[in-house]
Amino acid sequence: MPFKTFHGWLFDGSKTSPLPKATEKVDILKYNSPITHTYVISMFPKHGALNYYLNTYFNNINVRYLEKEELFKFIKKCVLDFRVKRSDVTYFPYKRTTKLFNKLREKFPEFKNNEINDICKMIDSSKDKTKIYESLNLEKPKKMKLGKKKTQKGKISLKQFLDRNFSILNV
């Protein structure tokens, strides 16, 4: 929601429009807002002239000393002066990471995020989802309750022994 509010204000085409007022859910000037100085500076990779200008003069630690309100007004003036369109802003979809994604990222650092997302989808749709989660130590296996039942003292098969005492995944 703060991104939508910020982009709406940034591309409204008026130099005098005030910054969006803080509401319960959206406050883009707050210190913990997801719209940071770095995000604002790196918004325009498709627009070469503005990107070069911002990287040359503002892509350093000194940008943190500016007030957010001043920086936002300056960026709005740049957008109007350089005639940047809304379509010139790159959009990177936000994907929430899961425990499975993070675990697979650690195990396979050479894979790309899209590949890991595909693997996560395959695992989540498989029949053996719980066994895979248990093998990756993401879920704790269910403990068998040991009662005072008397077990058969006769011979059992190897398959019954493995099913009772181990979690087996058929590959």
N, C-alpha and C. Protein backbone atom coordinates (compact mmCIF):
# COMPACT_ATOMS: atom_id res chain seq x y z
N MET A 1 0.80 -1.20 0.00
CA MET A 1 0.00 0.00 0.00
C MET A 1 0.85 1.27 0.00
N PRO A 2 1.98 1.33 0.75
CA PRO A 2 2.77 2.56 0.69
C PRO A 2 3.37 2.79 -0.69
N PHE A 3 3.71 1.72 -1.41
CA PHE A 3 4.28 1.88 -2.74
C PHE A 3 3.24 2.47 -3.69
N LYS A 4 2.01 1.99 -3.60
CA LYS A 4 0.94 2.49 -4.45
C LYS A 4 0.68 3.97 -4.17
N THR A 5 0.66 4.33 -2.90
CA THR A 5 0.45 5.72 -2.50
C THR A 5 1.60 6.60 -3.01
N PHE A 6 2.83 6.14 -2.82
CA PHE A 6 3.99 6.91 -3.24
C PHE A 6 4.03 7.10 -4.76
N HIS A 7 3.81 6.02 -5.52
CA HIS A 7 3.85 6.11 -6.97
C HIS A 7 2.70 6.97 -7.51
N GLY A 8 1.54 6.89 -6.86
CA GLY A 8 0.42 7.74 -7.26
C GLY A 8 0.76 9.21 -7.09
N TRP A 9 1.40 9.54 -5.97
CA TRP A 9 1.79 10.94 -5.73
C TRP A 9 2.92 11.35 -6.68
N LEU A 10 3.87 10.46 -6.91
CA LEU A 10 5.04 10.79 -7.72
C LEU A 10 4.67 11.08 -9.17
N PHE A 11 3.72 10.36 -9.71
CA PHE A 11 3.38 10.50 -11.13
C PHE A 11 2.04 11.21 -11.36
N ASP A 12 1.60 12.04 -10.42
CA ASP A 12 0.34 12.75 -10.64
C ASP A 12 0.49 13.96 -11.55
N GLY A 13 1.70 14.39 -11.86
CA GLY A 13 1.96 15.45 -12.83
C GLY A 13 1.88 16.87 -12.30
N SER A 14 1.70 17.05 -11.01
CA SER A 14 1.60 18.39 -10.44
C SER A 14 2.79 18.66 -9.53
N LYS A 15 3.41 19.85 -9.70
CA LYS A 15 4.56 20.20 -8.86
C LYS A 15 4.13 20.57 -7.45
N THR A 16 2.91 21.04 -7.30
CA THR A 16 2.48 21.57 -6.01
C THR A 16 1.67 20.60 -5.17
N SER A 17 1.48 19.39 -5.63
CA SER A 17 0.69 18.44 -4.83
C SER A 17 1.44 18.08 -3.55
N PRO A 18 0.75 18.09 -2.41
CA PRO A 18 1.42 17.77 -1.14
C PRO A 18 1.68 16.28 -1.01
N LEU A 19 2.62 15.96 -0.15
CA LEU A 19 2.89 14.54 0.13
C LEU A 19 1.66 13.90 0.74
N PRO A 20 1.43 12.63 0.47
CA PRO A 20 0.26 11.97 1.06
C PRO A 20 0.31 12.02 2.58
N LYS A 21 -0.83 12.29 3.16
CA LYS A 21 -0.91 12.38 4.62
C LYS A 21 -0.80 11.00 5.23
N ALA A 22 -0.28 10.97 6.42
CA ALA A 22 -0.10 9.70 7.13
C ALA A 22 -1.45 9.19 7.59
N THR A 23 -1.72 7.94 7.33
CA THR A 23 -2.91 7.28 7.84
C THR A 23 -2.46 6.15 8.75
N GLU A 24 -3.41 5.38 9.24
CA GLU A 24 -3.07 4.29 10.15
C GLU A 24 -2.19 3.25 9.45
N LYS A 25 -2.50 2.96 8.19
CA LYS A 25 -1.79 1.91 7.48
C LYS A 25 -0.61 2.42 6.67
N VAL A 26 -0.67 3.67 6.20
CA VAL A 26 0.35 4.17 5.28
C VAL A 26 0.98 5.44 5.83
N ASP A 27 2.29 5.40 6.00
CA ASP A 27 3.05 6.61 6.32
C ASP A 27 4.40 6.46 5.65
N ILE A 28 4.55 7.14 4.49
CA ILE A 28 5.77 6.96 3.71
C ILE A 28 6.95 7.74 4.28
N LEU A 29 6.71 8.65 5.21
CA LEU A 29 7.80 9.42 5.80
C LEU A 29 8.33 8.80 7.09
N LYS A 30 7.72 7.75 7.54
CA LYS A 30 8.14 7.10 8.78
C LYS A 30 9.54 6.51 8.63
N TYR A 31 10.25 6.37 9.71
CA TYR A 31 11.62 5.86 9.66
C TYR A 31 11.67 4.40 9.21
N ASN A 32 10.63 3.63 9.49
CA ASN A 32 10.65 2.22 9.10
C ASN A 32 9.78 1.93 7.88
N SER A 33 9.54 2.95 7.09
CA SER A 33 8.78 2.78 5.86
C SER A 33 9.59 1.96 4.86
N PRO A 34 8.92 1.14 4.04
CA PRO A 34 9.68 0.36 3.05
C PRO A 34 10.24 1.22 1.92
N ILE A 35 9.77 2.44 1.81
CA ILE A 35 10.30 3.34 0.78
C ILE A 35 11.48 4.09 1.39
N THR A 36 12.66 3.61 1.07
CA THR A 36 13.88 4.16 1.65
C THR A 36 14.58 5.07 0.63
N HIS A 37 15.64 5.70 1.09
CA HIS A 37 16.43 6.55 0.20
C HIS A 37 16.99 5.73 -0.96
N THR A 38 17.51 4.58 -0.63
CA THR A 38 18.12 3.72 -1.65
C THR A 38 17.09 3.27 -2.68
N TYR A 39 15.90 2.93 -2.21
CA TYR A 39 14.84 2.51 -3.13
C TYR A 39 14.51 3.63 -4.11
N VAL A 40 14.39 4.84 -3.60
CA VAL A 40 14.03 5.99 -4.45
C VAL A 40 15.12 6.27 -5.47
N ILE A 41 16.37 6.19 -5.06
CA ILE A 41 17.48 6.46 -5.98
C ILE A 41 17.56 5.40 -7.08
N SER A 42 17.24 4.15 -6.75
CA SER A 42 17.40 3.08 -7.72
C SER A 42 16.11 2.72 -8.46
N MET A 43 15.16 3.61 -8.51
CA MET A 43 13.87 3.34 -9.16
C MET A 43 13.90 3.45 -10.68
N PHE A 44 14.87 4.11 -11.25
CA PHE A 44 14.80 4.50 -12.66
C PHE A 44 15.88 3.89 -13.54
N PRO A 45 16.08 2.58 -13.54
CA PRO A 45 17.13 2.02 -14.41
C PRO A 45 16.77 2.07 -15.89
N LYS A 46 15.50 2.18 -16.24
CA LYS A 46 15.11 2.23 -17.65
C LYS A 46 15.31 3.61 -18.26
N HIS A 47 15.33 4.64 -17.43
CA HIS A 47 15.47 6.01 -17.91
C HIS A 47 16.93 6.42 -17.74
N GLY A 48 17.70 6.33 -18.80
CA GLY A 48 19.15 6.49 -18.74
C GLY A 48 19.66 7.79 -18.19
N ALA A 49 19.11 8.93 -18.65
CA ALA A 49 19.63 10.24 -18.24
C ALA A 49 19.42 10.47 -16.75
N LEU A 50 18.22 10.19 -16.26
CA LEU A 50 17.94 10.39 -14.84
C LEU A 50 18.73 9.40 -13.99
N ASN A 51 18.84 8.19 -14.44
CA ASN A 51 19.59 7.18 -13.71
C ASN A 51 21.06 7.58 -13.58
N TYR A 52 21.65 8.07 -14.65
CA TYR A 52 23.04 8.51 -14.64
C TYR A 52 23.22 9.69 -13.68
N TYR A 53 22.30 10.64 -13.73
CA TYR A 53 22.37 11.82 -12.86
C TYR A 53 22.28 11.43 -11.39
N LEU A 54 21.31 10.58 -11.06
CA LEU A 54 21.14 10.16 -9.67
C LEU A 54 22.32 9.34 -9.17
N ASN A 55 22.86 8.46 -10.02
CA ASN A 55 24.00 7.65 -9.61
C ASN A 55 25.25 8.49 -9.42
N THR A 56 25.42 9.50 -10.25
CA THR A 56 26.60 10.34 -10.15
C THR A 56 26.60 11.19 -8.89
N TYR A 57 25.46 11.82 -8.59
CA TYR A 57 25.43 12.81 -7.51
C TYR A 57 24.82 12.32 -6.21
N PHE A 58 24.02 11.27 -6.25
CA PHE A 58 23.30 10.89 -5.04
C PHE A 58 23.54 9.46 -4.57
N ASN A 59 24.24 8.65 -5.31
CA ASN A 59 24.40 7.26 -4.92
C ASN A 59 25.59 7.10 -3.97
N ASN A 60 25.47 7.71 -2.81
CA ASN A 60 26.50 7.57 -1.78
C ASN A 60 25.82 7.70 -0.42
N ILE A 61 26.59 7.65 0.62
CA ILE A 61 26.02 7.65 1.97
C ILE A 61 25.41 9.00 2.33
N ASN A 62 25.81 10.06 1.65
CA ASN A 62 25.30 11.38 1.98
C ASN A 62 23.81 11.52 1.73
N VAL A 63 23.24 10.67 0.88
CA VAL A 63 21.81 10.74 0.63
C VAL A 63 21.01 10.42 1.90
N ARG A 64 21.61 9.70 2.82
CA ARG A 64 20.93 9.36 4.09
C ARG A 64 20.77 10.58 4.99
N TYR A 65 21.57 11.62 4.77
CA TYR A 65 21.48 12.80 5.61
C TYR A 65 20.35 13.74 5.18
N LEU A 66 19.81 13.51 4.01
CA LEU A 66 18.67 14.32 3.56
C LEU A 66 17.40 13.87 4.27
N GLU A 67 16.51 14.80 4.50
CA GLU A 67 15.20 14.44 5.02
C GLU A 67 14.42 13.73 3.92
N LYS A 68 13.60 12.77 4.29
CA LYS A 68 12.84 12.03 3.29
C LYS A 68 11.92 12.94 2.50
N GLU A 69 11.31 13.88 3.18
CA GLU A 69 10.38 14.78 2.51
C GLU A 69 11.09 15.60 1.43
N GLU A 70 12.28 16.11 1.75
CA GLU A 70 13.05 16.87 0.76
C GLU A 70 13.46 16.01 -0.43
N LEU A 71 13.91 14.79 -0.15
CA LEU A 71 14.32 13.88 -1.21
C LEU A 71 13.14 13.53 -2.11
N PHE A 72 11.98 13.26 -1.52
CA PHE A 72 10.80 12.91 -2.31
C PHE A 72 10.39 14.08 -3.22
N LYS A 73 10.43 15.29 -2.69
CA LYS A 73 10.07 16.45 -3.51
C LYS A 73 11.09 16.65 -4.64
N PHE A 74 12.37 16.42 -4.35
CA PHE A 74 13.39 16.54 -5.38
C PHE A 74 13.20 15.49 -6.46
N ILE A 75 12.91 14.26 -6.08
CA ILE A 75 12.68 13.19 -7.06
C ILE A 75 11.45 13.52 -7.91
N LYS A 76 10.43 14.08 -7.28
CA LYS A 76 9.24 14.45 -8.06
C LYS A 76 9.59 15.52 -9.08
N LYS A 77 10.42 16.49 -8.70
CA LYS A 77 10.85 17.52 -9.64
C LYS A 77 11.68 16.90 -10.77
N CYS A 78 12.54 15.94 -10.44
CA CYS A 78 13.32 15.23 -11.46
C CYS A 78 12.41 14.48 -12.42
N VAL A 79 11.39 13.83 -11.88
CA VAL A 79 10.45 13.08 -12.71
C VAL A 79 9.77 14.02 -13.70
N LEU A 80 9.39 15.20 -13.23
CA LEU A 80 8.74 16.16 -14.13
C LEU A 80 9.73 16.75 -15.12
N ASP A 81 10.94 17.08 -14.68
CA ASP A 81 11.93 17.70 -15.56
C ASP A 81 12.45 16.72 -16.62
N PHE A 82 12.69 15.48 -16.24
CA PHE A 82 13.21 14.48 -17.18
C PHE A 82 12.10 13.77 -17.95
N ARG A 83 10.86 14.12 -17.67
CA ARG A 83 9.68 13.54 -18.33
C ARG A 83 9.65 12.02 -18.22
N VAL A 84 9.75 11.57 -17.02
CA VAL A 84 9.71 10.14 -16.76
C VAL A 84 8.26 9.70 -16.68
N LYS A 85 7.96 8.60 -17.34
CA LYS A 85 6.61 8.04 -17.30
C LYS A 85 6.55 6.94 -16.26
N ARG A 86 5.35 6.60 -15.90
CA ARG A 86 5.15 5.51 -14.94
C ARG A 86 5.69 4.19 -15.50
N SER A 87 5.64 4.04 -16.81
CA SER A 87 6.12 2.79 -17.42
C SER A 87 7.65 2.70 -17.42
N ASP A 88 8.35 3.80 -17.13
CA ASP A 88 9.81 3.77 -17.06
C ASP A 88 10.34 3.24 -15.73
N VAL A 89 9.45 3.03 -14.79
CA VAL A 89 9.85 2.51 -13.48
C VAL A 89 9.78 0.99 -13.53
N THR A 90 10.85 0.35 -13.15
CA THR A 90 10.86 -1.11 -13.15
C THR A 90 10.07 -1.63 -11.97
N TYR A 91 9.38 -2.71 -12.21
CA TYR A 91 8.56 -3.32 -11.17
C TYR A 91 9.13 -4.69 -10.85
N PHE A 92 9.52 -4.89 -9.62
CA PHE A 92 9.99 -6.18 -9.16
C PHE A 92 8.95 -6.73 -8.20
N PRO A 93 8.25 -7.78 -8.59
CA PRO A 93 7.20 -8.29 -7.70
C PRO A 93 7.79 -8.82 -6.40
N TYR A 94 7.11 -8.52 -5.34
CA TYR A 94 7.55 -8.95 -4.03
C TYR A 94 7.00 -10.34 -3.76
N LYS A 95 7.86 -11.23 -3.37
CA LYS A 95 7.43 -12.58 -3.02
C LYS A 95 7.87 -12.85 -1.60
N ARG A 96 6.94 -13.25 -0.82
CA ARG A 96 7.23 -13.58 0.56
C ARG A 96 8.00 -14.89 0.61
N THR A 97 9.05 -14.92 1.37
CA THR A 97 9.85 -16.14 1.46
C THR A 97 9.27 -17.03 2.55
N THR A 98 9.43 -18.31 2.34
CA THR A 98 8.96 -19.29 3.31
C THR A 98 10.15 -20.03 3.90
N LYS A 99 9.86 -20.85 4.88
CA LYS A 99 10.94 -21.63 5.50
C LYS A 99 11.56 -22.59 4.47
N LEU A 100 10.69 -23.17 3.65
CA LEU A 100 11.17 -24.10 2.62
C LEU A 100 12.08 -23.37 1.63
N PHE A 101 11.67 -22.18 1.20
CA PHE A 101 12.48 -21.39 0.27
C PHE A 101 13.84 -21.08 0.88
N ASN A 102 13.86 -20.62 2.12
CA ASN A 102 15.12 -20.28 2.78
C ASN A 102 16.03 -21.49 2.94
N LYS A 103 15.45 -22.63 3.28
CA LYS A 103 16.25 -23.85 3.45
C LYS A 103 16.84 -24.30 2.11
N LEU A 104 16.02 -24.24 1.05
CA LEU A 104 16.53 -24.63 -0.27
C LEU A 104 17.57 -23.63 -0.78
N ARG A 105 17.41 -22.36 -0.43
CA ARG A 105 18.39 -21.33 -0.81
C ARG A 105 19.74 -21.65 -0.17
N GLU A 106 19.74 -22.10 1.09
CA GLU A 106 20.99 -22.48 1.76
C GLU A 106 21.61 -23.72 1.13
N LYS A 107 20.77 -24.69 0.79
CA LYS A 107 21.28 -25.95 0.24
C LYS A 107 21.77 -25.80 -1.19
N PHE A 108 21.12 -24.96 -1.97
CA PHE A 108 21.47 -24.79 -3.39
C PHE A 108 21.71 -23.31 -3.70
N PRO A 109 22.83 -22.75 -3.32
CA PRO A 109 23.07 -21.32 -3.55
C PRO A 109 23.25 -20.98 -5.03
N GLU A 110 23.54 -21.97 -5.86
CA GLU A 110 23.76 -21.68 -7.28
C GLU A 110 22.46 -21.55 -8.05
N PHE A 111 21.33 -21.94 -7.47
CA PHE A 111 20.04 -21.83 -8.15
C PHE A 111 19.52 -20.41 -8.09
N LYS A 112 18.75 -20.03 -9.10
CA LYS A 112 18.11 -18.71 -9.12
C LYS A 112 16.82 -18.78 -8.30
N ASN A 113 16.31 -17.62 -7.93
CA ASN A 113 15.09 -17.57 -7.11
C ASN A 113 13.91 -18.21 -7.83
N ASN A 114 13.82 -18.00 -9.14
CA ASN A 114 12.70 -18.59 -9.89
C ASN A 114 12.77 -20.11 -9.87
N GLU A 115 13.96 -20.64 -9.98
CA GLU A 115 14.12 -22.09 -9.95
C GLU A 115 13.75 -22.65 -8.59
N ILE A 116 14.15 -21.96 -7.54
CA ILE A 116 13.81 -22.41 -6.19
C ILE A 116 12.30 -22.32 -5.97
N ASN A 117 11.66 -21.27 -6.49
CA ASN A 117 10.21 -21.16 -6.38
C ASN A 117 9.52 -22.31 -7.09
N ASP A 118 10.04 -22.71 -8.24
CA ASP A 118 9.47 -23.85 -8.97
C ASP A 118 9.62 -25.14 -8.15
N ILE A 119 10.77 -25.33 -7.53
CA ILE A 119 10.99 -26.51 -6.71
C ILE A 119 10.03 -26.50 -5.51
N CYS A 120 9.83 -25.33 -4.91
CA CYS A 120 8.90 -25.22 -3.78
C CYS A 120 7.48 -25.60 -4.20
N LYS A 121 7.06 -25.14 -5.39
CA LYS A 121 5.73 -25.50 -5.89
C LYS A 121 5.61 -27.00 -6.11
N MET A 122 6.66 -27.60 -6.66
CA MET A 122 6.64 -29.05 -6.89
C MET A 122 6.56 -29.81 -5.57
N ILE A 123 7.30 -29.36 -4.59
CA ILE A 123 7.29 -30.03 -3.29
C ILE A 123 5.93 -29.88 -2.62
N ASP A 124 5.36 -28.67 -2.68
CA ASP A 124 4.07 -28.44 -2.04
C ASP A 124 2.93 -29.21 -2.70
N SER A 125 3.08 -29.52 -3.98
CA SER A 125 2.01 -30.25 -4.67
C SER A 125 2.23 -31.77 -4.67
N SER A 126 3.34 -32.23 -4.13
CA SER A 126 3.63 -33.66 -4.16
C SER A 126 2.91 -34.40 -3.02
N LYS A 127 2.80 -35.72 -3.18
CA LYS A 127 2.16 -36.55 -2.15
C LYS A 127 3.03 -36.64 -0.90
N ASP A 128 4.33 -36.62 -1.10
CA ASP A 128 5.27 -36.82 0.01
C ASP A 128 5.72 -35.51 0.63
N LYS A 129 4.87 -34.53 0.66
CA LYS A 129 5.23 -33.21 1.17
C LYS A 129 5.71 -33.29 2.63
N THR A 130 4.98 -34.00 3.47
CA THR A 130 5.36 -34.06 4.89
C THR A 130 6.69 -34.77 5.08
N LYS A 131 6.95 -35.80 4.30
CA LYS A 131 8.22 -36.52 4.42
C LYS A 131 9.39 -35.65 3.98
N ILE A 132 9.18 -34.85 2.94
CA ILE A 132 10.24 -33.96 2.47
C ILE A 132 10.51 -32.88 3.52
N TYR A 133 9.44 -32.33 4.08
CA TYR A 133 9.61 -31.32 5.13
C TYR A 133 10.34 -31.91 6.33
N GLU A 134 10.02 -33.13 6.68
CA GLU A 134 10.71 -33.78 7.80
C GLU A 134 12.17 -34.02 7.47
N SER A 135 12.47 -34.40 6.24
CA SER A 135 13.86 -34.66 5.88
C SER A 135 14.69 -33.39 5.84
N LEU A 136 14.05 -32.25 5.55
CA LEU A 136 14.76 -30.97 5.57
C LEU A 136 14.74 -30.33 6.96
N ASN A 137 14.16 -31.02 7.91
CA ASN A 137 14.07 -30.57 9.29
C ASN A 137 13.23 -29.29 9.42
N LEU A 138 12.19 -29.19 8.61
CA LEU A 138 11.28 -28.04 8.70
C LEU A 138 10.08 -28.36 9.58
N GLU A 139 9.71 -29.60 9.65
CA GLU A 139 8.64 -30.05 10.53
C GLU A 139 9.19 -31.17 11.39
N LYS A 140 8.74 -31.20 12.59
CA LYS A 140 9.17 -32.27 13.46
C LYS A 140 8.30 -33.49 13.19
N PRO A 141 8.93 -34.64 13.06
CA PRO A 141 8.12 -35.83 12.82
C PRO A 141 7.25 -36.15 14.03
N LYS A 142 6.11 -36.71 13.75
CA LYS A 142 5.20 -37.05 14.84
C LYS A 142 5.80 -38.20 15.64
N LYS A 143 5.82 -38.02 16.92
CA LYS A 143 6.37 -39.06 17.78
C LYS A 143 5.29 -40.12 18.02
N MET A 144 5.76 -41.33 17.97
CA MET A 144 4.83 -42.42 18.24
C MET A 144 4.66 -42.54 19.74
N LYS A 145 3.42 -42.66 20.14
CA LYS A 145 3.16 -42.82 21.57
C LYS A 145 3.40 -44.27 21.95
N LEU A 146 4.20 -44.43 22.93
CA LEU A 146 4.49 -45.77 23.40
C LEU A 146 3.58 -46.07 24.57
N GLY A 147 2.81 -47.05 24.40
CA GLY A 147 1.90 -47.44 25.47
C GLY A 147 2.40 -48.69 26.16
N LYS A 148 1.62 -49.16 27.04
CA LYS A 148 2.00 -50.38 27.76
C LYS A 148 1.42 -51.60 27.07
N LYS A 149 1.17 -51.45 25.77
CA LYS A 149 0.67 -52.58 25.01
C LYS A 149 1.77 -53.61 24.86
N LYS A 150 1.39 -54.80 24.88
CA LYS A 150 2.37 -55.86 24.67
C LYS A 150 2.54 -56.06 23.18
N THR A 151 3.75 -56.06 22.76
CA THR A 151 4.04 -56.27 21.36
C THR A 151 4.23 -57.75 21.09
N GLN A 152 4.07 -58.07 19.85
CA GLN A 152 4.27 -59.46 19.48
C GLN A 152 5.75 -59.79 19.56
N LYS A 153 6.05 -60.89 20.14
CA LYS A 153 7.44 -61.26 20.25
C LYS A 153 7.88 -62.11 19.08
N GLY A 154 6.97 -62.28 18.15
CA GLY A 154 7.31 -63.07 16.99
C GLY A 154 8.13 -62.25 16.01
N LYS A 155 8.46 -62.86 14.93
CA LYS A 155 9.26 -62.19 13.93
C LYS A 155 8.38 -61.25 13.11
N ILE A 156 8.95 -60.08 12.77
CA ILE A 156 8.25 -59.14 11.88
C ILE A 156 9.10 -58.98 10.63
N SER A 157 8.43 -58.53 9.59
CA SER A 157 9.16 -58.38 8.33
C SER A 157 10.00 -57.10 8.37
N LEU A 158 10.96 -57.05 7.47
CA LEU A 158 11.83 -55.87 7.38
C LEU A 158 11.03 -54.63 7.02
N LYS A 159 10.04 -54.76 6.14
CA LYS A 159 9.22 -53.63 5.72
C LYS A 159 8.43 -53.06 6.89
N GLN A 160 7.86 -53.95 7.72
CA GLN A 160 7.13 -53.47 8.89
C GLN A 160 8.06 -52.77 9.88
N PHE A 161 9.25 -53.30 10.07
CA PHE A 161 10.21 -52.69 10.97
C PHE A 161 10.61 -51.29 10.48
N LEU A 162 10.89 -51.16 9.17
CA LEU A 162 11.28 -49.86 8.63
C LEU A 162 10.14 -48.85 8.70
N ASP A 163 8.92 -49.29 8.39
CA ASP A 163 7.78 -48.38 8.46
C ASP A 163 7.53 -47.90 9.89
N ARG A 164 7.74 -48.77 10.84
CA ARG A 164 7.47 -48.42 12.23
C ARG A 164 8.53 -47.48 12.80
N ASN A 165 9.80 -47.67 12.41
CA ASN A 165 10.90 -46.95 13.06
C ASN A 165 11.55 -45.85 12.23
N PHE A 166 11.28 -45.78 10.93
CA PHE A 166 11.95 -44.80 10.08
C PHE A 166 10.94 -44.12 9.17
N SER A 167 11.30 -42.92 8.75
CA SER A 167 10.52 -42.20 7.75
C SER A 167 11.17 -42.45 6.40
N ILE A 168 10.46 -43.13 5.51
CA ILE A 168 11.04 -43.55 4.24
C ILE A 168 10.39 -42.77 3.11
N LEU A 169 11.21 -42.32 2.20
CA LEU A 169 10.73 -41.59 1.04
C LEU A 169 11.09 -42.38 -0.21
N ASN A 170 10.10 -42.76 -0.99
CA ASN A 170 10.34 -43.50 -2.21
C ASN A 170 10.74 -42.54 -3.31
N VAL A 171 11.87 -42.77 -3.91
CA VAL A 171 12.37 -41.87 -4.96
C VAL A 171 12.38 -42.60 -6.29
